[in-house]
Amino acid sequence: MKLEIKHRIDQLNNGEIPNGYKKTEFGIFPCDWVTDKKMKVFASIIQQKYDPNTCPNNPVCIELEHIKGFSGYLYGNSFGKSHDSIKSVFKKGDILFGKLAAAV
């Protein structure tokens, strides 16, 4: 690792803002990065839903628990009718954002 990068990492770890960087509501980023745009400016937000109580089909259901962290490997699935809750629909090529509840 280059010494300048190591120094920058040390600054960040010590709560300092390195030269050429700025603090934003999202964290510390290079000054030339645009950080004031909303997701909807560069992506379409899909809001199609599947309701197992009203929809006649029984599609494959993939939940965050079925996707291995950091690799994206799919290691399971279920079917829509096996759930009572409404699910979001996605298609090949969509980018998914989500969060899991913290383990207690």
PDB file of N, CA and C in Angstrom:
ATOM      1  N   MET A   1       0.853  -1.173   0.000  1.00  0.00           N
ATOM      2  CA  MET A   1       0.000   0.000   0.000  1.00  0.00           C
ATOM      3  C   MET A   1       0.897   1.233   0.000  1.00  0.00           C
ATOM      4  N   LYS A   2       0.530   2.200  -0.819  1.00  0.00           N
ATOM      5  CA  LYS A   2       1.306   3.432  -0.879  1.00  0.00           C
ATOM      6  C   LYS A   2       1.220   4.172   0.447  1.00  0.00           C
ATOM      7  N   LEU A   3       2.296   4.835   0.798  1.00  0.00           N
ATOM      8  CA  LEU A   3       2.366   5.557   2.064  1.00  0.00           C
ATOM      9  C   LEU A   3       1.294   6.637   2.160  1.00  0.00           C
ATOM     10  N   GLU A   4       1.005   7.341   1.057  1.00  0.00           N
ATOM     11  CA  GLU A   4      -0.015   8.403   1.094  1.00  0.00           C
ATOM     12  C   GLU A   4      -1.407   7.844   1.382  1.00  0.00           C
ATOM     13  N   ILE A   5      -1.689   6.656   0.863  1.00  0.00           N
ATOM     14  CA  ILE A   5      -2.992   6.030   1.130  1.00  0.00           C
ATOM     15  C   ILE A   5      -3.076   5.599   2.587  1.00  0.00           C
ATOM     16  N   LYS A   6      -1.989   5.010   3.099  1.00  0.00           N
ATOM     17  CA  LYS A   6      -1.964   4.598   4.502  1.00  0.00           C
ATOM     18  C   LYS A   6      -2.161   5.805   5.417  1.00  0.00           C
ATOM     19  N   HIS A   7      -1.515   6.925   5.079  1.00  0.00           N
ATOM     20  CA  HIS A   7      -1.664   8.151   5.876  1.00  0.00           C
ATOM     21  C   HIS A   7      -3.114   8.635   5.852  1.00  0.00           C
ATOM     22  N   ARG A   8      -3.737   8.598   4.690  1.00  0.00           N
ATOM     23  CA  ARG A   8      -5.126   9.029   4.553  1.00  0.00           C
ATOM     24  C   ARG A   8      -6.044   8.146   5.398  1.00  0.00           C
ATOM     25  N   ILE A   9      -5.801   6.842   5.362  1.00  0.00           N
ATOM     26  CA  ILE A   9      -6.605   5.910   6.168  1.00  0.00           C
ATOM     27  C   ILE A   9      -6.422   6.206   7.654  1.00  0.00           C
ATOM     28  N   ASP A  10      -5.175   6.464   8.070  1.00  0.00           N
ATOM     29  CA  ASP A  10      -4.914   6.811   9.471  1.00  0.00           C
ATOM     30  C   ASP A  10      -5.663   8.077   9.877  1.00  0.00           C
ATOM     31  N   GLN A  11      -5.667   9.087   8.976  1.00  0.00           N
ATOM     32  CA  GLN A  11      -6.405  10.319   9.265  1.00  0.00           C
ATOM     33  C   GLN A  11      -7.893  10.023   9.465  1.00  0.00           C
ATOM     34  N   LEU A  12      -8.461   9.258   8.564  1.00  0.00           N
ATOM     35  CA  LEU A  12      -9.882   8.927   8.668  1.00  0.00           C
ATOM     36  C   LEU A  12     -10.178   8.168   9.955  1.00  0.00           C
ATOM     37  N   ASN A  13      -9.319   7.215  10.298  1.00  0.00           N
ATOM     38  CA  ASN A  13      -9.512   6.437  11.529  1.00  0.00           C
ATOM     39  C   ASN A  13      -9.398   7.299  12.775  1.00  0.00           C
ATOM     40  N   ASN A  14      -8.668   8.429  12.671  1.00  0.00           N
ATOM     41  CA  ASN A  14      -8.514   9.342  13.807  1.00  0.00           C
ATOM     42  C   ASN A  14      -9.554  10.463  13.796  1.00  0.00           C
ATOM     43  N   GLY A  15     -10.546  10.365  12.895  1.00  0.00           N
ATOM     44  CA  GLY A  15     -11.605  11.362  12.836  1.00  0.00           C
ATOM     45  C   GLY A  15     -11.214  12.633  12.112  1.00  0.00           C
ATOM     46  N   GLU A  16     -10.083  12.629  11.407  1.00  0.00           N
ATOM     47  CA  GLU A  16      -9.637  13.800  10.660  1.00  0.00           C
ATOM     48  C   GLU A  16     -10.138  13.718   9.217  1.00  0.00           C
ATOM     49  N   ILE A  17     -10.276  14.880   8.594  1.00  0.00           N
ATOM     50  CA  ILE A  17     -10.688  14.922   7.192  1.00  0.00           C
ATOM     51  C   ILE A  17      -9.449  15.235   6.352  1.00  0.00           C
ATOM     52  N   PRO A  18      -9.006  14.281   5.520  1.00  0.00           N
ATOM     53  CA  PRO A  18      -7.800  14.497   4.717  1.00  0.00           C
ATOM     54  C   PRO A  18      -7.992  15.627   3.697  1.00  0.00           C
ATOM     55  N   ASN A  19      -6.893  16.234   3.259  1.00  0.00           N
ATOM     56  CA  ASN A  19      -6.945  17.249   2.210  1.00  0.00           C
ATOM     57  C   ASN A  19      -7.583  16.652   0.968  1.00  0.00           C
ATOM     58  N   GLY A  20      -8.472  17.429   0.327  1.00  0.00           N
ATOM     59  CA  GLY A  20      -9.141  16.950  -0.878  1.00  0.00           C
ATOM     60  C   GLY A  20     -10.415  16.171  -0.582  1.00  0.00           C
ATOM     61  N   TYR A  21     -10.810  16.094   0.688  1.00  0.00           N
ATOM     62  CA  TYR A  21     -12.019  15.379   1.097  1.00  0.00           C
ATOM     63  C   TYR A  21     -12.957  16.335   1.802  1.00  0.00           C
ATOM     64  N   LYS A  22     -14.230  15.959   1.894  1.00  0.00           N
ATOM     65  CA  LYS A  22     -15.225  16.774   2.578  1.00  0.00           C
ATOM     66  C   LYS A  22     -16.126  15.871   3.416  1.00  0.00           C
ATOM     67  N   LYS A  23     -16.634  16.428   4.496  1.00  0.00           N
ATOM     68  CA  LYS A  23     -17.571  15.686   5.340  1.00  0.00           C
ATOM     69  C   LYS A  23     -18.980  16.009   4.865  1.00  0.00           C
ATOM     70  N   THR A  24     -19.798  14.971   4.637  1.00  0.00           N
ATOM     71  CA  THR A  24     -21.177  15.144   4.210  1.00  0.00           C
ATOM     72  C   THR A  24     -22.075  14.416   5.205  1.00  0.00           C
ATOM     73  N   GLU A  25     -23.369  14.509   4.995  1.00  0.00           N
ATOM     74  CA  GLU A  25     -24.300  13.789   5.883  1.00  0.00           C
ATOM     75  C   GLU A  25     -24.168  12.276   5.733  1.00  0.00           C
ATOM     76  N   PHE A  26     -23.498  11.821   4.651  1.00  0.00           N
ATOM     77  CA  PHE A  26     -23.332  10.390   4.387  1.00  0.00           C
ATOM     78  C   PHE A  26     -21.970   9.873   4.792  1.00  0.00           C
ATOM     79  N   GLY A  27     -21.062  10.753   5.160  1.00  0.00           N
ATOM     80  CA  GLY A  27     -19.714  10.349   5.506  1.00  0.00           C
ATOM     81  C   GLY A  27     -18.702  11.266   4.846  1.00  0.00           C
ATOM     82  N   ILE A  28     -17.455  10.834   4.788  1.00  0.00           N
ATOM     83  CA  ILE A  28     -16.375  11.624   4.202  1.00  0.00           C
ATOM     84  C   ILE A  28     -16.098  11.106   2.798  1.00  0.00           C
ATOM     85  N   PHE A  29     -16.124  12.038   1.826  1.00  0.00           N
ATOM     86  CA  PHE A  29     -15.942  11.689   0.416  1.00  0.00           C
ATOM     87  C   PHE A  29     -14.955  12.639  -0.235  1.00  0.00           C
ATOM     88  N   PRO A  30     -14.335  12.219  -1.362  1.00  0.00           N
ATOM     89  CA  PRO A  30     -13.486  13.144  -2.123  1.00  0.00           C
ATOM     90  C   PRO A  30     -14.295  14.382  -2.518  1.00  0.00           C
ATOM     91  N   CYS A  31     -13.649  15.544  -2.538  1.00  0.00           N
ATOM     92  CA  CYS A  31     -14.337  16.812  -2.823  1.00  0.00           C
ATOM     93  C   CYS A  31     -15.018  16.827  -4.181  1.00  0.00           C
ATOM     94  N   ASP A  32     -14.483  16.091  -5.156  1.00  0.00           N
ATOM     95  CA  ASP A  32     -15.072  16.147  -6.493  1.00  0.00           C
ATOM     96  C   ASP A  32     -16.229  15.160  -6.682  1.00  0.00           C
ATOM     97  N   TRP A  33     -16.587  14.413  -5.649  1.00  0.00           N
ATOM     98  CA  TRP A  33     -17.735  13.514  -5.750  1.00  0.00           C
ATOM     99  C   TRP A  33     -19.018  14.299  -5.501  1.00  0.00           C
ATOM    100  N   VAL A  34     -20.046  14.024  -6.296  1.00  0.00           N
ATOM    101  CA  VAL A  34     -21.353  14.645  -6.101  1.00  0.00           C
ATOM    102  C   VAL A  34     -22.094  13.853  -5.024  1.00  0.00           C
ATOM    103  N   THR A  35     -22.502  14.546  -3.969  1.00  0.00           N
ATOM    104  CA  THR A  35     -23.164  13.851  -2.851  1.00  0.00           C
ATOM    105  C   THR A  35     -24.524  14.431  -2.522  1.00  0.00           C
ATOM    106  N   ASP A  36     -25.036  15.314  -3.372  1.00  0.00           N
ATOM    107  CA  ASP A  36     -26.321  15.939  -3.061  1.00  0.00           C
ATOM    108  C   ASP A  36     -27.458  15.460  -3.957  1.00  0.00           C
ATOM    109  N   LYS A  37     -27.266  14.346  -4.645  1.00  0.00           N
ATOM    110  CA  LYS A  37     -28.298  13.816  -5.532  1.00  0.00           C
ATOM    111  C   LYS A  37     -29.114  12.755  -4.792  1.00  0.00           C
ATOM    112  N   LYS A  38     -30.363  12.663  -5.129  1.00  0.00           N
ATOM    113  CA  LYS A  38     -31.235  11.621  -4.594  1.00  0.00           C
ATOM    114  C   LYS A  38     -31.168  10.407  -5.511  1.00  0.00           C
ATOM    115  N   MET A  39     -31.423   9.238  -4.983  1.00  0.00           N
ATOM    116  CA  MET A  39     -31.389   7.999  -5.749  1.00  0.00           C
ATOM    117  C   MET A  39     -32.255   8.085  -6.997  1.00  0.00           C
ATOM    118  N   LYS A  40     -33.403   8.717  -6.896  1.00  0.00           N
ATOM    119  CA  LYS A  40     -34.331   8.760  -8.022  1.00  0.00           C
ATOM    120  C   LYS A  40     -33.790   9.554  -9.210  1.00  0.00           C
ATOM    121  N   VAL A  41     -32.707  10.319  -9.020  1.00  0.00           N
ATOM    122  CA  VAL A  41     -32.108  11.074 -10.119  1.00  0.00           C
ATOM    123  C   VAL A  41     -31.424  10.132 -11.112  1.00  0.00           C
ATOM    124  N   PHE A  42     -30.834   9.051 -10.623  1.00  0.00           N
ATOM    125  CA  PHE A  42     -30.090   8.161 -11.511  1.00  0.00           C
ATOM    126  C   PHE A  42     -30.594   6.725 -11.528  1.00  0.00           C
ATOM    127  N   ALA A  43     -31.705   6.460 -10.855  1.00  0.00           N
ATOM    128  CA  ALA A  43     -32.268   5.110 -10.868  1.00  0.00           C
ATOM    129  C   ALA A  43     -33.788   5.186 -10.782  1.00  0.00           C
ATOM    130  N   SER A  44     -34.437   4.228 -11.380  1.00  0.00           N
ATOM    131  CA  SER A  44     -35.895   4.129 -11.264  1.00  0.00           C
ATOM    132  C   SER A  44     -36.230   3.316 -10.022  1.00  0.00           C
ATOM    133  N   ILE A  45     -37.142   3.808  -9.249  1.00  0.00           N
ATOM    134  CA  ILE A  45     -37.554   3.074  -8.057  1.00  0.00           C
ATOM    135  C   ILE A  45     -38.791   2.266  -8.420  1.00  0.00           C
ATOM    136  N   ILE A  46     -38.654   0.952  -8.364  1.00  0.00           N
ATOM    137  CA  ILE A  46     -39.733   0.034  -8.731  1.00  0.00           C
ATOM    138  C   ILE A  46     -40.588  -0.214  -7.496  1.00  0.00           C
ATOM    139  N   GLN A  47     -41.881  -0.116  -7.666  1.00  0.00           N
ATOM    140  CA  GLN A  47     -42.761  -0.302  -6.518  1.00  0.00           C
ATOM    141  C   GLN A  47     -43.799  -1.394  -6.736  1.00  0.00           C
ATOM    142  N   GLN A  48     -43.535  -2.297  -7.677  1.00  0.00           N
ATOM    143  CA  GLN A  48     -44.473  -3.399  -7.923  1.00  0.00           C
ATOM    144  C   GLN A  48     -44.449  -4.345  -6.718  1.00  0.00           C
ATOM    145  N   LYS A  49     -45.612  -4.776  -6.292  1.00  0.00           N
ATOM    146  CA  LYS A  49     -45.740  -5.636  -5.110  1.00  0.00           C
ATOM    147  C   LYS A  49     -46.441  -6.941  -5.465  1.00  0.00           C
ATOM    148  N   TYR A  50     -46.210  -7.948  -4.638  1.00  0.00           N
ATOM    149  CA  TYR A  50     -46.885  -9.237  -4.745  1.00  0.00           C
ATOM    150  C   TYR A  50     -47.610  -9.474  -3.426  1.00  0.00           C
ATOM    151  N   ASP A  51     -48.912  -9.684  -3.495  1.00  0.00           N
ATOM    152  CA  ASP A  51     -49.722  -9.965  -2.311  1.00  0.00           C
ATOM    153  C   ASP A  51     -50.190 -11.411  -2.400  1.00  0.00           C
ATOM    154  N   PRO A  52     -49.673 -12.286  -1.536  1.00  0.00           N
ATOM    155  CA  PRO A  52     -50.028 -13.711  -1.613  1.00  0.00           C
ATOM    156  C   PRO A  52     -51.503 -13.985  -1.353  1.00  0.00           C
ATOM    157  N   ASN A  53     -52.192 -13.040  -0.724  1.00  0.00           N
ATOM    158  CA  ASN A  53     -53.605 -13.233  -0.409  1.00  0.00           C
ATOM    159  C   ASN A  53     -54.535 -12.894  -1.572  1.00  0.00           C
ATOM    160  N   THR A  54     -54.032 -12.130  -2.556  1.00  0.00           N
ATOM    161  CA  THR A  54     -54.905 -11.726  -3.661  1.00  0.00           C
ATOM    162  C   THR A  54     -54.383 -12.146  -5.034  1.00  0.00           C
ATOM    163  N   CYS A  55     -53.138 -12.543  -5.127  1.00  0.00           N
ATOM    164  CA  CYS A  55     -52.550 -12.906  -6.421  1.00  0.00           C
ATOM    165  C   CYS A  55     -52.639 -14.423  -6.621  1.00  0.00           C
ATOM    166  N   PRO A  56     -53.126 -14.884  -7.777  1.00  0.00           N
ATOM    167  CA  PRO A  56     -53.314 -16.318  -7.976  1.00  0.00           C
ATOM    168  C   PRO A  56     -52.018 -17.113  -8.191  1.00  0.00           C
ATOM    169  N   ASN A  57     -50.955 -16.479  -8.678  1.00  0.00           N
ATOM    170  CA  ASN A  57     -49.733 -17.257  -8.937  1.00  0.00           C
ATOM    171  C   ASN A  57     -48.908 -17.433  -7.665  1.00  0.00           C
ATOM    172  N   ASN A  58     -47.887 -18.277  -7.740  1.00  0.00           N
ATOM    173  CA  ASN A  58     -47.059 -18.629  -6.589  1.00  0.00           C
ATOM    174  C   ASN A  58     -45.586 -18.505  -6.992  1.00  0.00           C
ATOM    175  N   PRO A  59     -45.081 -17.273  -7.158  1.00  0.00           N
ATOM    176  CA  PRO A  59     -43.718 -17.096  -7.663  1.00  0.00           C
ATOM    177  C   PRO A  59     -42.652 -17.480  -6.648  1.00  0.00           C
ATOM    178  N   VAL A  60     -41.444 -17.696  -7.170  1.00  0.00           N
ATOM    179  CA  VAL A  60     -40.289 -17.917  -6.301  1.00  0.00           C
ATOM    180  C   VAL A  60     -40.080 -16.650  -5.483  1.00  0.00           C
ATOM    181  N   CYS A  61     -39.788 -16.810  -4.212  1.00  0.00           N
ATOM    182  CA  CYS A  61     -39.574 -15.682  -3.309  1.00  0.00           C
ATOM    183  C   CYS A  61     -38.132 -15.734  -2.806  1.00  0.00           C
ATOM    184  N   ILE A  62     -37.380 -14.697  -3.098  1.00  0.00           N
ATOM    185  CA  ILE A  62     -35.999 -14.596  -2.624  1.00  0.00           C
ATOM    186  C   ILE A  62     -35.953 -13.454  -1.617  1.00  0.00           C
ATOM    187  N   GLU A  63     -35.485 -13.753  -0.427  1.00  0.00           N
ATOM    188  CA  GLU A  63     -35.380 -12.748   0.613  1.00  0.00           C
ATOM    189  C   GLU A  63     -33.907 -12.517   0.929  1.00  0.00           C
ATOM    190  N   LEU A  64     -33.610 -11.445   1.669  1.00  0.00           N
ATOM    191  CA  LEU A  64     -32.219 -11.141   1.996  1.00  0.00           C
ATOM    192  C   LEU A  64     -31.534 -12.312   2.695  1.00  0.00           C
ATOM    193  N   GLU A  65     -32.285 -13.061   3.461  1.00  0.00           N
ATOM    194  CA  GLU A  65     -31.719 -14.214   4.167  1.00  0.00           C
ATOM    195  C   GLU A  65     -31.227 -15.298   3.207  1.00  0.00           C
ATOM    196  N   HIS A  66     -31.701 -15.258   1.962  1.00  0.00           N
ATOM    197  CA  HIS A  66     -31.305 -16.248   0.963  1.00  0.00           C
ATOM    198  C   HIS A  66     -30.044 -15.834   0.187  1.00  0.00           C
ATOM    199  N   ILE A  67     -29.535 -14.635   0.437  1.00  0.00           N
ATOM    200  CA  ILE A  67     -28.383 -14.119  -0.303  1.00  0.00           C
ATOM    201  C   ILE A  67     -27.200 -13.989   0.642  1.00  0.00           C
ATOM    202  N   LYS A  68     -26.109 -14.667   0.293  1.00  0.00           N
ATOM    203  CA  LYS A  68     -24.910 -14.636   1.143  1.00  0.00           C
ATOM    204  C   LYS A  68     -24.257 -13.258   1.060  1.00  0.00           C
ATOM    205  N   GLY A  69     -23.966 -12.697   2.215  1.00  0.00           N
ATOM    206  CA  GLY A  69     -23.357 -11.377   2.289  1.00  0.00           C
ATOM    207  C   GLY A  69     -22.016 -11.308   1.583  1.00  0.00           C
ATOM    208  N   PHE A  70     -21.739 -10.203   0.957  1.00  0.00           N
ATOM    209  CA  PHE A  70     -20.496  -9.850   0.279  1.00  0.00           C
ATOM    210  C   PHE A  70     -20.241 -10.632  -0.999  1.00  0.00           C
ATOM    211  N   SER A  71     -20.901 -11.755  -1.214  1.00  0.00           N
ATOM    212  CA  SER A  71     -20.670 -12.526  -2.437  1.00  0.00           C
ATOM    213  C   SER A  71     -21.869 -12.470  -3.374  1.00  0.00           C
ATOM    214  N   GLY A  72     -23.064 -12.303  -2.805  1.00  0.00           N
ATOM    215  CA  GLY A  72     -24.273 -12.309  -3.604  1.00  0.00           C
ATOM    216  C   GLY A  72     -24.732 -13.709  -3.971  1.00  0.00           C
ATOM    217  N   TYR A  73     -24.065 -14.738  -3.461  1.00  0.00           N
ATOM    218  CA  TYR A  73     -24.417 -16.122  -3.767  1.00  0.00           C
ATOM    219  C   TYR A  73     -25.817 -16.429  -3.239  1.00  0.00           C
ATOM    220  N   LEU A  74     -26.646 -16.989  -4.089  1.00  0.00           N
ATOM    221  CA  LEU A  74     -28.013 -17.353  -3.714  1.00  0.00           C
ATOM    222  C   LEU A  74     -28.006 -18.772  -3.179  1.00  0.00           C
ATOM    223  N   TYR A  75     -28.401 -18.952  -1.932  1.00  0.00           N
ATOM    224  CA  TYR A  75     -28.363 -20.291  -1.341  1.00  0.00           C
ATOM    225  C   TYR A  75     -29.707 -20.765  -0.824  1.00  0.00           C
ATOM    226  N   GLY A  76     -30.766 -20.193  -1.326  1.00  0.00           N
ATOM    227  CA  GLY A  76     -32.083 -20.671  -0.919  1.00  0.00           C
ATOM    228  C   GLY A  76     -33.179 -19.832  -1.534  1.00  0.00           C
ATOM    229  N   ASN A  77     -34.405 -20.254  -1.342  1.00  0.00           N
ATOM    230  CA  ASN A  77     -35.576 -19.510  -1.777  1.00  0.00           C
ATOM    231  C   ASN A  77     -36.807 -20.135  -1.133  1.00  0.00           C
ATOM    232  N   SER A  78     -37.910 -19.479  -1.297  1.00  0.00           N
ATOM    233  CA  SER A  78     -39.194 -20.030  -0.866  1.00  0.00           C
ATOM    234  C   SER A  78     -40.197 -19.668  -1.951  1.00  0.00           C
ATOM    235  N   PHE A  79     -41.480 -19.825  -1.665  1.00  0.00           N
ATOM    236  CA  PHE A  79     -42.496 -19.478  -2.642  1.00  0.00           C
ATOM    237  C   PHE A  79     -43.450 -18.458  -2.032  1.00  0.00           C
ATOM    238  N   GLY A  80     -43.960 -17.570  -2.865  1.00  0.00           N
ATOM    239  CA  GLY A  80     -44.798 -16.467  -2.424  1.00  0.00           C
ATOM    240  C   GLY A  80     -45.953 -16.868  -1.545  1.00  0.00           C
ATOM    241  N   LYS A  81     -46.626 -17.958  -1.886  1.00  0.00           N
ATOM    242  CA  LYS A  81     -47.809 -18.384  -1.125  1.00  0.00           C
ATOM    243  C   LYS A  81     -47.460 -18.882   0.279  1.00  0.00           C
ATOM    244  N   SER A  82     -46.170 -19.134   0.546  1.00  0.00           N
ATOM    245  CA  SER A  82     -45.780 -19.601   1.878  1.00  0.00           C
ATOM    246  C   SER A  82     -45.615 -18.438   2.856  1.00  0.00           C
ATOM    247  N   HIS A  83     -45.894 -17.213   2.401  1.00  0.00           N
ATOM    248  CA  HIS A  83     -45.770 -16.013   3.232  1.00  0.00           C
ATOM    249  C   HIS A  83     -47.116 -15.309   3.325  1.00  0.00           C
ATOM    250  N   ASP A  84     -47.336 -14.627   4.414  1.00  0.00           N
ATOM    251  CA  ASP A  84     -48.554 -13.821   4.561  1.00  0.00           C
ATOM    252  C   ASP A  84     -48.313 -12.370   4.172  1.00  0.00           C
ATOM    253  N   SER A  85     -47.049 -11.951   4.181  1.00  0.00           N
ATOM    254  CA  SER A  85     -46.758 -10.532   3.954  1.00  0.00           C
ATOM    255  C   SER A  85     -46.598 -10.194   2.477  1.00  0.00           C
ATOM    256  N   ILE A  86     -46.873  -8.943   2.154  1.00  0.00           N
ATOM    257  CA  ILE A  86     -46.715  -8.431   0.796  1.00  0.00           C
ATOM    258  C   ILE A  86     -45.219  -8.297   0.509  1.00  0.00           C
ATOM    259  N   LYS A  87     -44.807  -8.692  -0.670  1.00  0.00           N
ATOM    260  CA  LYS A  87     -43.403  -8.679  -1.066  1.00  0.00           C
ATOM    261  C   LYS A  87     -43.184  -7.741  -2.242  1.00  0.00           C
ATOM    262  N   SER A  88     -41.988  -7.212  -2.366  1.00  0.00           N
ATOM    263  CA  SER A  88     -41.613  -6.409  -3.529  1.00  0.00           C
ATOM    264  C   SER A  88     -41.204  -7.330  -4.662  1.00  0.00           C
ATOM    265  N   VAL A  89     -41.501  -6.915  -5.891  1.00  0.00           N
ATOM    266  CA  VAL A  89     -41.171  -7.704  -7.074  1.00  0.00           C
ATOM    267  C   VAL A  89     -39.923  -7.104  -7.716  1.00  0.00           C
ATOM    268  N   PHE A  90     -38.970  -7.959  -8.099  1.00  0.00           N
ATOM    269  CA  PHE A  90     -37.812  -7.486  -8.842  1.00  0.00           C
ATOM    270  C   PHE A  90     -37.537  -8.412 -10.004  1.00  0.00           C
ATOM    271  N   LYS A  91     -36.784  -7.903 -10.958  1.00  0.00           N
ATOM    272  CA  LYS A  91     -36.478  -8.658 -12.180  1.00  0.00           C
ATOM    273  C   LYS A  91     -34.982  -8.670 -12.422  1.00  0.00           C
ATOM    274  N   LYS A  92     -34.542  -9.520 -13.328  1.00  0.00           N
ATOM    275  CA  LYS A  92     -33.138  -9.619 -13.688  1.00  0.00           C
ATOM    276  C   LYS A  92     -32.603  -8.236 -14.047  1.00  0.00           C
ATOM    277  N   GLY A  93     -31.460  -7.874 -13.485  1.00  0.00           N
ATOM    278  CA  GLY A  93     -30.837  -6.590 -13.756  1.00  0.00           C
ATOM    279  C   GLY A  93     -31.148  -5.518 -12.729  1.00  0.00           C
ATOM    280  N   ASP A  94     -32.168  -5.739 -11.896  1.00  0.00           N
ATOM    281  CA  ASP A  94     -32.494  -4.762 -10.865  1.00  0.00           C
ATOM    282  C   ASP A  94     -31.422  -4.768  -9.775  1.00  0.00           C
ATOM    283  N   ILE A  95     -31.206  -3.623  -9.169  1.00  0.00           N
ATOM    284  CA  ILE A  95     -30.291  -3.506  -8.033  1.00  0.00           C
ATOM    285  C   ILE A  95     -31.152  -3.412  -6.789  1.00  0.00           C
ATOM    286  N   LEU A  96     -30.863  -4.265  -5.820  1.00  0.00           N
ATOM    287  CA  LEU A  96     -31.681  -4.337  -4.608  1.00  0.00           C
ATOM    288  C   LEU A  96     -30.980  -3.660  -3.439  1.00  0.00           C
ATOM    289  N   PHE A  97     -31.744  -2.927  -2.664  1.00  0.00           N
ATOM    290  CA  PHE A  97     -31.249  -2.340  -1.438  1.00  0.00           C
ATOM    291  C   PHE A  97     -32.124  -2.849  -0.318  1.00  0.00           C
ATOM    292  N   GLY A  98     -31.511  -3.203   0.782  1.00  0.00           N
ATOM    293  CA  GLY A  98     -32.294  -3.674   1.902  1.00  0.00           C
ATOM    294  C   GLY A  98     -31.447  -3.733   3.145  1.00  0.00           C
ATOM    295  N   LYS A  99     -32.080  -4.043   4.244  1.00  0.00           N
ATOM    296  CA  LYS A  99     -31.338  -4.195   5.490  1.00  0.00           C
ATOM    297  C   LYS A  99     -31.991  -5.295   6.311  1.00  0.00           C
ATOM    298  N   LEU A 100     -31.176  -5.975   7.033  1.00  0.00           N
ATOM    299  CA  LEU A 100     -31.652  -6.997   7.952  1.00  0.00           C
ATOM    300  C   LEU A 100     -31.680  -6.421   9.356  1.00  0.00           C
ATOM    301  N   ALA A 101     -32.587  -6.889  10.155  1.00  0.00           N
ATOM    302  CA  ALA A 101     -32.638  -6.457  11.547  1.00  0.00           C
ATOM    303  C   ALA A 101     -31.394  -6.974  12.274  1.00  0.00           C
ATOM    304  N   ALA A 102     -30.922  -6.214  13.217  1.00  0.00           N
ATOM    305  CA  ALA A 102     -29.742  -6.610  13.984  1.00  0.00           C
ATOM    306  C   ALA A 102     -30.049  -7.875  14.783  1.00  0.00           C
ATOM    307  N   ALA A 103     -29.071  -8.750  14.855  1.00  0.00           N
ATOM    308  CA  ALA A 103     -29.229  -9.970  15.658  1.00  0.00           C
ATOM    309  C   ALA A 103     -29.223  -9.596  17.129  1.00  0.00           C
ATOM    310  N   VAL A 104     -30.155 -10.142  17.860  1.00  0.00           N
ATOM    311  CA  VAL A 104     -30.270  -9.831  19.295  1.00  0.00           C
ATOM    312  C   VAL A 104     -29.851 -11.016  20.116  1.00  0.00           C
TER     313      VAL A 104
END
